[in-house]
């Protein structure tokens, strides 16, 4: 595909702050030209479309809905995310005006609807668990904190996730997980010999941005039990010396 740029665009290109082509499979698929002031021109290359490139790499700033909500306020919409707030309700719809209260419910709703999960500032006494989530082929899933609860603008405040027990962040067999602006804290152990584990990630690809991980204190194990052993006295040993076997002598080794 060949592009002809007119004089006006050519002169604008001289002020361009960035120029990039994203390559997938060795061929350029989407080009972007960004100018001073934040305006960008997006164009498909070699027959590809903006849609399929954003499926491959939704965080790419070249996508119309690309980037992250901390940098792109246009992404803070009901079309893009499910919303969770400490002030929310269990039977809410999960929208900005009617957020859910539970992280677990928010995760399930976001994955079901193919959206991201946005969490506003506050404390959550439950874990964030993604165990074999149904993301679809090549899908990316983002969990974002840092929002004010009153109007959902990004202010960078961390969400605090501290369950009553167990692992605070548990991700197993997830394809592409992106987490920002969340503090995970594991409670201290209760039972003797128990550990405090803040994060468990297994067979997953996870990106953590401005995330704090803090484990609690482990618990010492139970004290070992002593065993009383009664040894025979010297008199008892003398009365019962036992048998002593003597083997046949061998040949002496040369020195």
C-alpha atoms as a PDB file:
ATOM      1  CA  UNK A   1       0.000   0.000   0.000  1.00  0.00           C
ATOM      2  CA  UNK A   2       1.476   3.358  -1.053  1.00  0.00           C
ATOM      3  CA  UNK A   3       0.644   6.653   0.660  1.00  0.00           C
ATOM      4  CA  UNK A   4       1.022  10.060  -0.986  1.00  0.00           C
ATOM      5  CA  UNK A   5       1.320  12.958   1.444  1.00  0.00           C
ATOM      6  CA  UNK A   6       0.222  16.411   0.345  1.00  0.00           C
ATOM      7  CA  UNK A   7       2.239  19.526   1.096  1.00  0.00           C
ATOM      8  CA  UNK A   8       0.263  20.402   4.203  1.00  0.00           C
ATOM      9  CA  UNK A   9       0.839  16.997   5.766  1.00  0.00           C
ATOM     10  CA  UNK A  10       4.449  16.980   4.667  1.00  0.00           C
ATOM     11  CA  UNK A  11       5.084  20.258   6.445  1.00  0.00           C
ATOM     12  CA  UNK A  12       3.357  18.888   9.541  1.00  0.00           C
ATOM     13  CA  UNK A  13       5.622  15.868   9.483  1.00  0.00           C
ATOM     14  CA  UNK A  14       8.585  18.140  10.105  1.00  0.00           C
ATOM     15  CA  UNK A  15       7.083  18.850  13.542  1.00  0.00           C
ATOM     16  CA  UNK A  16       6.249  15.232  14.290  1.00  0.00           C
ATOM     17  CA  UNK A  17       7.437  14.101  17.709  1.00  0.00           C
ATOM     18  CA  UNK A  18       7.238  10.368  16.906  1.00  0.00           C
ATOM     19  CA  UNK A  19       6.963   8.085  13.932  1.00  0.00           C
ATOM     20  CA  UNK A  20       6.579   4.333  14.239  1.00  0.00           C
ATOM     21  CA  UNK A  21       5.550   1.146  12.510  1.00  0.00           C
ATOM     22  CA  UNK A  22       4.519  -1.899  14.507  1.00  0.00           C
ATOM     23  CA  UNK A  23       5.833  -5.174  13.054  1.00  0.00           C
ATOM     24  CA  UNK A  24       4.031  -8.467  13.527  1.00  0.00           C
ATOM     25  CA  UNK A  25       5.302 -11.578  11.810  1.00  0.00           C
ATOM     26  CA  UNK A  26       8.013  -9.604  10.032  1.00  0.00           C
ATOM     27  CA  UNK A  27       5.647  -7.294   8.136  1.00  0.00           C
ATOM     28  CA  UNK A  28       4.507  -3.791   9.100  1.00  0.00           C
ATOM     29  CA  UNK A  29       0.786  -3.889   9.958  1.00  0.00           C
ATOM     30  CA  UNK A  30      -0.107  -0.490  11.374  1.00  0.00           C
ATOM     31  CA  UNK A  31       1.603   2.845  11.018  1.00  0.00           C
ATOM     32  CA  UNK A  32       1.172   5.856  13.266  1.00  0.00           C
ATOM     33  CA  UNK A  33       2.344   9.450  13.027  1.00  0.00           C
ATOM     34  CA  UNK A  34       1.997  11.530  16.196  1.00  0.00           C
ATOM     35  CA  UNK A  35       2.359  15.310  16.192  1.00  0.00           C
ATOM     36  CA  UNK A  36       3.006  17.971  18.779  1.00  0.00           C
ATOM     37  CA  UNK A  37      -0.120  18.491  20.811  1.00  0.00           C
ATOM     38  CA  UNK A  38      -0.956  14.779  20.978  1.00  0.00           C
ATOM     39  CA  UNK A  39      -2.754  14.327  17.641  1.00  0.00           C
ATOM     40  CA  UNK A  40      -2.033  11.073  15.829  1.00  0.00           C
ATOM     41  CA  UNK A  41      -2.671   9.686  12.369  1.00  0.00           C
ATOM     42  CA  UNK A  42      -3.276   5.919  12.204  1.00  0.00           C
ATOM     43  CA  UNK A  43      -3.203   3.896   9.021  1.00  0.00           C
ATOM     44  CA  UNK A  44      -3.235   0.178   8.132  1.00  0.00           C
ATOM     45  CA  UNK A  45      -0.408  -1.287   6.084  1.00  0.00           C
ATOM     46  CA  UNK A  46      -0.364  -4.382   3.843  1.00  0.00           C
ATOM     47  CA  UNK A  47      -4.111  -4.941   4.077  1.00  0.00           C
ATOM     48  CA  UNK A  48      -4.309  -5.117   7.876  1.00  0.00           C
ATOM     49  CA  UNK A  49      -6.782  -3.151   9.967  1.00  0.00           C
ATOM     50  CA  UNK A  50      -6.619  -1.202  13.185  1.00  0.00           C
ATOM     51  CA  UNK A  51      -8.921  -3.789  14.763  1.00  0.00           C
ATOM     52  CA  UNK A  52      -6.680  -6.806  14.245  1.00  0.00           C
ATOM     53  CA  UNK A  53      -3.524  -5.020  15.380  1.00  0.00           C
ATOM     54  CA  UNK A  54      -5.242  -3.899  18.575  1.00  0.00           C
ATOM     55  CA  UNK A  55      -6.288  -7.480  19.179  1.00  0.00           C
ATOM     56  CA  UNK A  56      -2.616  -8.400  19.078  1.00  0.00           C
ATOM     57  CA  UNK A  57      -1.306  -5.495  21.147  1.00  0.00           C
ATOM     58  CA  UNK A  58      -4.092  -3.440  22.813  1.00  0.00           C
ATOM     59  CA  UNK A  59      -1.604  -1.419  24.878  1.00  0.00           C
ATOM     60  CA  UNK A  60      -0.064   0.000  21.709  1.00  0.00           C
ATOM     61  CA  UNK A  61      -0.612   3.776  21.676  1.00  0.00           C
ATOM     62  CA  UNK A  62      -1.393   3.489  17.952  1.00  0.00           C
ATOM     63  CA  UNK A  63      -4.731   1.877  18.794  1.00  0.00           C
ATOM     64  CA  UNK A  64      -7.717   4.239  19.053  1.00  0.00           C
ATOM     65  CA  UNK A  65      -8.361   2.825  22.535  1.00  0.00           C
ATOM     66  CA  UNK A  66      -4.699   2.056  23.187  1.00  0.00           C
ATOM     67  CA  UNK A  67      -2.526   2.887  26.127  1.00  0.00           C
ATOM     68  CA  UNK A  68      -3.566   2.764  29.766  1.00  0.00           C
ATOM     69  CA  UNK A  69      -6.171   4.789  31.713  1.00  0.00           C
ATOM     70  CA  UNK A  70      -3.485   6.609  33.693  1.00  0.00           C
ATOM     71  CA  UNK A  71      -2.388   8.196  30.397  1.00  0.00           C
ATOM     72  CA  UNK A  72      -5.603   8.148  28.378  1.00  0.00           C
ATOM     73  CA  UNK A  73      -8.772   9.365  30.128  1.00  0.00           C
ATOM     74  CA  UNK A  74     -10.868   8.291  27.129  1.00  0.00           C
ATOM     75  CA  UNK A  75     -10.446   4.713  28.340  1.00  0.00           C
ATOM     76  CA  UNK A  76     -12.303   5.398  31.610  1.00  0.00           C
ATOM     77  CA  UNK A  77     -15.698   4.458  30.191  1.00  0.00           C
ATOM     78  CA  UNK A  78     -18.340   1.776  30.673  1.00  0.00           C
ATOM     79  CA  UNK A  79     -17.592   0.466  27.178  1.00  0.00           C
ATOM     80  CA  UNK A  80     -14.028  -0.372  28.152  1.00  0.00           C
ATOM     81  CA  UNK A  81     -14.145  -1.493  31.797  1.00  0.00           C
ATOM     82  CA  UNK A  82     -16.061  -2.899  34.750  1.00  0.00           C
ATOM     83  CA  UNK A  83     -15.846  -0.705  37.868  1.00  0.00           C
ATOM     84  CA  UNK A  84     -15.362  -1.747  41.520  1.00  0.00           C
ATOM     85  CA  UNK A  85     -15.557   0.537  44.546  1.00  0.00           C
ATOM     86  CA  UNK A  86     -15.634   0.086  48.347  1.00  0.00           C
ATOM     87  CA  UNK A  87     -18.860   2.116  48.161  1.00  0.00           C
ATOM     88  CA  UNK A  88     -20.363  -0.180  45.515  1.00  0.00           C
ATOM     89  CA  UNK A  89     -23.107  -2.787  45.803  1.00  0.00           C
ATOM     90  CA  UNK A  90     -23.062  -6.561  45.369  1.00  0.00           C
ATOM     91  CA  UNK A  91     -25.943  -6.487  42.867  1.00  0.00           C
ATOM     92  CA  UNK A  92     -24.673  -3.497  40.907  1.00  0.00           C
ATOM     93  CA  UNK A  93     -24.222  -3.394  37.146  1.00  0.00           C
ATOM     94  CA  UNK A  94     -20.502  -2.622  37.375  1.00  0.00           C
ATOM     95  CA  UNK A  95     -20.683   0.731  35.610  1.00  0.00           C
ATOM     96  CA  UNK A  96     -19.083   4.015  36.710  1.00  0.00           C
ATOM     97  CA  UNK A  97     -22.372   5.201  38.217  1.00  0.00           C
ATOM     98  CA  UNK A  98     -23.238   1.781  39.679  1.00  0.00           C
ATOM     99  CA  UNK A  99     -19.976   0.018  40.626  1.00  0.00           C
ATOM    100  CA  UNK A 100     -19.659  -3.415  42.146  1.00  0.00           C
ATOM    101  CA  UNK A 101     -18.282  -3.844  45.664  1.00  0.00           C
ATOM    102  CA  UNK A 102     -16.435  -7.158  45.339  1.00  0.00           C
ATOM    103  CA  UNK A 103     -13.165  -7.726  43.480  1.00  0.00           C
ATOM    104  CA  UNK A 104     -14.214 -11.311  42.826  1.00  0.00           C
ATOM    105  CA  UNK A 105     -17.480 -10.242  41.218  1.00  0.00           C
ATOM    106  CA  UNK A 106     -15.739  -7.507  39.269  1.00  0.00           C
ATOM    107  CA  UNK A 107     -13.165  -9.934  37.868  1.00  0.00           C
ATOM    108  CA  UNK A 108     -15.829 -12.404  36.814  1.00  0.00           C
ATOM    109  CA  UNK A 109     -17.940  -9.688  35.171  1.00  0.00           C
ATOM    110  CA  UNK A 110     -14.986  -8.112  33.338  1.00  0.00           C
ATOM    111  CA  UNK A 111     -13.753 -11.431  31.957  1.00  0.00           C
ATOM    112  CA  UNK A 112     -17.269 -12.405  30.925  1.00  0.00           C
ATOM    113  CA  UNK A 113     -17.805  -9.134  29.066  1.00  0.00           C
ATOM    114  CA  UNK A 114     -14.286  -8.948  27.593  1.00  0.00           C
ATOM    115  CA  UNK A 115     -13.491  -5.708  29.447  1.00  0.00           C
ATOM    116  CA  UNK A 116     -10.789  -4.418  31.811  1.00  0.00           C
ATOM    117  CA  UNK A 117     -11.206  -4.032  35.583  1.00  0.00           C
ATOM    118  CA  UNK A 118     -10.968  -0.583  37.220  1.00  0.00           C
ATOM    119  CA  UNK A 119     -10.757  -0.293  41.017  1.00  0.00           C
ATOM    120  CA  UNK A 120     -11.034   3.003  42.890  1.00  0.00           C
ATOM    121  CA  UNK A 121      -9.047   3.945  45.987  1.00  0.00           C
ATOM    122  CA  UNK A 122      -9.768   2.154  49.226  1.00  0.00           C
ATOM    123  CA  UNK A 123      -9.271  -1.100  51.131  1.00  0.00           C
ATOM    124  CA  UNK A 124     -10.423  -4.503  49.919  1.00  0.00           C
ATOM    125  CA  UNK A 125     -10.398  -7.448  52.336  1.00  0.00           C
ATOM    126  CA  UNK A 126     -10.292 -10.156  49.680  1.00  0.00           C
ATOM    127  CA  UNK A 127      -7.679 -11.587  47.316  1.00  0.00           C
ATOM    128  CA  UNK A 128      -7.256 -10.848  43.641  1.00  0.00           C
ATOM    129  CA  UNK A 129      -7.303 -14.317  42.118  1.00  0.00           C
ATOM    130  CA  UNK A 130      -6.994 -15.186  38.432  1.00  0.00           C
ATOM    131  CA  UNK A 131      -6.775 -18.948  38.113  1.00  0.00           C
ATOM    132  CA  UNK A 132      -7.010 -20.225  34.543  1.00  0.00           C
ATOM    133  CA  UNK A 133      -9.138 -17.250  33.450  1.00  0.00           C
ATOM    134  CA  UNK A 134     -11.098 -17.578  30.219  1.00  0.00           C
ATOM    135  CA  UNK A 135      -9.423 -14.728  28.319  1.00  0.00           C
ATOM    136  CA  UNK A 136      -9.803 -16.057  24.799  1.00  0.00           C
ATOM    137  CA  UNK A 137      -6.962 -16.609  22.338  1.00  0.00           C
ATOM    138  CA  UNK A 138      -4.279 -13.983  22.694  1.00  0.00           C
ATOM    139  CA  UNK A 139      -6.460 -11.727  24.845  1.00  0.00           C
ATOM    140  CA  UNK A 140      -4.971  -9.181  27.216  1.00  0.00           C
ATOM    141  CA  UNK A 141      -6.559  -8.405  30.597  1.00  0.00           C
ATOM    142  CA  UNK A 142      -5.794  -5.328  32.683  1.00  0.00           C
ATOM    143  CA  UNK A 143      -6.513  -4.546  36.341  1.00  0.00           C
ATOM    144  CA  UNK A 144      -6.064  -0.867  37.199  1.00  0.00           C
ATOM    145  CA  UNK A 145      -6.158   1.098  40.447  1.00  0.00           C
ATOM    146  CA  UNK A 146      -5.400   4.758  41.009  1.00  0.00           C
ATOM    147  CA  UNK A 147      -8.920   6.185  40.552  1.00  0.00           C
ATOM    148  CA  UNK A 148     -10.899   8.578  42.748  1.00  0.00           C
ATOM    149  CA  UNK A 149     -14.194   7.006  43.810  1.00  0.00           C
ATOM    150  CA  UNK A 150     -16.288  10.165  43.425  1.00  0.00           C
ATOM    151  CA  UNK A 151     -15.789  10.776  39.701  1.00  0.00           C
ATOM    152  CA  UNK A 152     -13.325   8.068  38.586  1.00  0.00           C
ATOM    153  CA  UNK A 153     -10.594  10.442  37.458  1.00  0.00           C
ATOM    154  CA  UNK A 154      -7.088   9.038  37.700  1.00  0.00           C
ATOM    155  CA  UNK A 155      -5.189  10.468  40.687  1.00  0.00           C
ATOM    156  CA  UNK A 156      -2.549   7.778  41.204  1.00  0.00           C
ATOM    157  CA  UNK A 157      -3.781   6.653  44.616  1.00  0.00           C
ATOM    158  CA  UNK A 158      -3.040   2.998  45.300  1.00  0.00           C
ATOM    159  CA  UNK A 159      -5.733   0.442  45.950  1.00  0.00           C
ATOM    160  CA  UNK A 160      -4.988  -1.659  49.046  1.00  0.00           C
ATOM    161  CA  UNK A 161      -5.766  -5.374  48.748  1.00  0.00           C
ATOM    162  CA  UNK A 162      -5.358  -7.381  51.960  1.00  0.00           C
ATOM    163  CA  UNK A 163      -7.360 -10.603  52.374  1.00  0.00           C
ATOM    164  CA  UNK A 164      -8.161 -12.007  55.802  1.00  0.00           C
ATOM    165  CA  UNK A 165      -6.080 -15.080  54.991  1.00  0.00           C
ATOM    166  CA  UNK A 166      -4.126 -16.671  52.168  1.00  0.00           C
ATOM    167  CA  UNK A 167      -2.302 -15.210  49.163  1.00  0.00           C
ATOM    168  CA  UNK A 168      -3.159 -11.614  48.213  1.00  0.00           C
ATOM    169  CA  UNK A 169      -2.376 -11.924  44.454  1.00  0.00           C
ATOM    170  CA  UNK A 170      -2.814 -15.350  42.906  1.00  0.00           C
ATOM    171  CA  UNK A 171      -2.386 -15.794  39.133  1.00  0.00           C
ATOM    172  CA  UNK A 172      -2.265 -19.244  37.526  1.00  0.00           C
ATOM    173  CA  UNK A 173      -2.082 -20.033  33.794  1.00  0.00           C
ATOM    174  CA  UNK A 174      -3.043 -16.568  32.575  1.00  0.00           C
ATOM    175  CA  UNK A 175      -1.899 -15.333  29.170  1.00  0.00           C
ATOM    176  CA  UNK A 176      -1.338 -11.567  29.419  1.00  0.00           C
ATOM    177  CA  UNK A 177      -2.114  -9.778  32.682  1.00  0.00           C
ATOM    178  CA  UNK A 178      -1.331  -6.098  33.247  1.00  0.00           C
ATOM    179  CA  UNK A 179      -1.719  -4.617  36.765  1.00  0.00           C
ATOM    180  CA  UNK A 180      -1.177  -1.004  37.825  1.00  0.00           C
ATOM    181  CA  UNK A 181      -1.414   1.104  41.010  1.00  0.00           C
ATOM    182  CA  UNK A 182      -2.358  -1.618  43.496  1.00  0.00           C
ATOM    183  CA  UNK A 183      -0.779  -2.528  46.836  1.00  0.00           C
ATOM    184  CA  UNK A 184      -1.028  -6.179  47.790  1.00  0.00           C
ATOM    185  CA  UNK A 185      -0.467  -7.167  51.407  1.00  0.00           C
ATOM    186  CA  UNK A 186      -0.588 -10.659  52.863  1.00  0.00           C
ATOM    187  CA  UNK A 187      -1.738 -11.086  56.470  1.00  0.00           C
ATOM    188  CA  UNK A 188       0.640 -12.506  59.028  1.00  0.00           C
ATOM    189  CA  UNK A 189       0.406 -16.229  59.652  1.00  0.00           C
ATOM    190  CA  UNK A 190      -1.904 -17.557  62.387  1.00  0.00           C
ATOM    191  CA  UNK A 191      -0.974 -21.222  62.727  1.00  0.00           C
ATOM    192  CA  UNK A 192       2.440 -22.506  63.895  1.00  0.00           C
ATOM    193  CA  UNK A 193       4.759 -23.238  60.967  1.00  0.00           C
ATOM    194  CA  UNK A 194       2.607 -21.227  58.524  1.00  0.00           C
ATOM    195  CA  UNK A 195       4.110 -18.763  56.017  1.00  0.00           C
ATOM    196  CA  UNK A 196       2.857 -15.384  54.826  1.00  0.00           C
ATOM    197  CA  UNK A 197       2.803 -15.309  50.990  1.00  0.00           C
ATOM    198  CA  UNK A 198       1.801 -12.112  49.219  1.00  0.00           C
ATOM    199  CA  UNK A 199       1.976 -13.233  45.575  1.00  0.00           C
ATOM    200  CA  UNK A 200       1.837 -16.521  43.700  1.00  0.00           C
ATOM    201  CA  UNK A 201       2.296 -16.438  39.917  1.00  0.00           C
ATOM    202  CA  UNK A 202       2.456 -19.706  37.985  1.00  0.00           C
ATOM    203  CA  UNK A 203       2.721 -20.321  34.231  1.00  0.00           C
ATOM    204  CA  UNK A 204       1.612 -16.775  33.464  1.00  0.00           C
ATOM    205  CA  UNK A 205       2.804 -13.604  31.744  1.00  0.00           C
ATOM    206  CA  UNK A 206       2.248 -10.697  34.126  1.00  0.00           C
ATOM    207  CA  UNK A 207       3.276  -7.029  34.036  1.00  0.00           C
ATOM    208  CA  UNK A 208       3.245  -5.038  37.298  1.00  0.00           C
ATOM    209  CA  UNK A 209       3.428  -1.228  37.186  1.00  0.00           C
ATOM    210  CA  UNK A 210       3.536   0.866  40.389  1.00  0.00           C
ATOM    211  CA  UNK A 211       2.592  -2.220  42.384  1.00  0.00           C
ATOM    212  CA  UNK A 212       3.677  -2.779  45.984  1.00  0.00           C
ATOM    213  CA  UNK A 213       3.999  -6.299  47.406  1.00  0.00           C
ATOM    214  CA  UNK A 214       4.217  -6.765  51.175  1.00  0.00           C
ATOM    215  CA  UNK A 215       4.182 -10.061  53.051  1.00  0.00           C
ATOM    216  CA  UNK A 216       3.354 -10.397  56.738  1.00  0.00           C
ATOM    217  CA  UNK A 217       5.217 -12.325  59.415  1.00  0.00           C
ATOM    218  CA  UNK A 218       5.507 -16.091  59.322  1.00  0.00           C
ATOM    219  CA  UNK A 219       4.785 -18.199  62.395  1.00  0.00           C
ATOM    220  CA  UNK A 220       7.373 -20.295  64.176  1.00  0.00           C
ATOM    221  CA  UNK A 221       6.842 -24.030  64.115  1.00  0.00           C
ATOM    222  CA  UNK A 222       5.683 -26.059  67.092  1.00  0.00           C
ATOM    223  CA  UNK A 223       8.426 -26.917  69.601  1.00  0.00           C
ATOM    224  CA  UNK A 224       9.808 -30.387  69.173  1.00  0.00           C
ATOM    225  CA  UNK A 225       8.893 -33.081  71.734  1.00  0.00           C
ATOM    226  CA  UNK A 226      11.615 -34.782  73.771  1.00  0.00           C
ATOM    227  CA  UNK A 227      11.911 -38.568  74.053  1.00  0.00           C
ATOM    228  CA  UNK A 228      12.983 -40.093  77.338  1.00  0.00           C
ATOM    229  CA  UNK A 229      15.629 -42.777  76.846  1.00  0.00           C
ATOM    230  CA  UNK A 230      16.662 -45.057  79.732  1.00  0.00           C
ATOM    231  CA  UNK A 231      20.116 -46.520  79.416  1.00  0.00           C
ATOM    232  CA  UNK A 232      21.250 -49.693  81.218  1.00  0.00           C
ATOM    233  CA  UNK A 233      23.614 -49.291  84.119  1.00  0.00           C
ATOM    234  CA  UNK A 234      27.226 -50.473  84.025  1.00  0.00           C
ATOM    235  CA  UNK A 235      26.300 -53.336  86.389  1.00  0.00           C
ATOM    236  CA  UNK A 236      23.570 -54.545  84.013  1.00  0.00           C
ATOM    237  CA  UNK A 237      25.963 -54.369  81.068  1.00  0.00           C
ATOM    238  CA  UNK A 238      28.610 -56.300  83.005  1.00  0.00           C
ATOM    239  CA  UNK A 239      26.148 -59.099  83.881  1.00  0.00           C
ATOM    240  CA  UNK A 240      25.161 -59.418  80.212  1.00  0.00           C
ATOM    241  CA  UNK A 241      28.258 -58.699  78.129  1.00  0.00           C
ATOM    242  CA  UNK A 242      26.807 -60.248  74.965  1.00  0.00           C
ATOM    243  CA  UNK A 243      28.634 -62.370  72.417  1.00  0.00           C
ATOM    244  CA  UNK A 244      31.694 -61.295  70.536  1.00  0.00           C
ATOM    245  CA  UNK A 245      32.417 -62.770  67.122  1.00  0.00           C
ATOM    246  CA  UNK A 246      35.948 -63.064  65.878  1.00  0.00           C
ATOM    247  CA  UNK A 247      36.516 -63.546  62.193  1.00  0.00           C
ATOM    248  CA  UNK A 248      39.377 -65.415  60.663  1.00  0.00           C
ATOM    249  CA  UNK A 249      42.535 -63.398  60.279  1.00  0.00           C
ATOM    250  CA  UNK A 250      43.504 -62.244  56.805  1.00  0.00           C
ATOM    251  CA  UNK A 251      46.884 -61.791  55.209  1.00  0.00           C
ATOM    252  CA  UNK A 252      48.902 -58.832  56.243  1.00  0.00           C
ATOM    253  CA  UNK A 253      49.247 -56.085  53.657  1.00  0.00           C
ATOM    254  CA  UNK A 254      52.728 -54.944  52.738  1.00  0.00           C
ATOM    255  CA  UNK A 255      53.715 -51.580  54.101  1.00  0.00           C
END
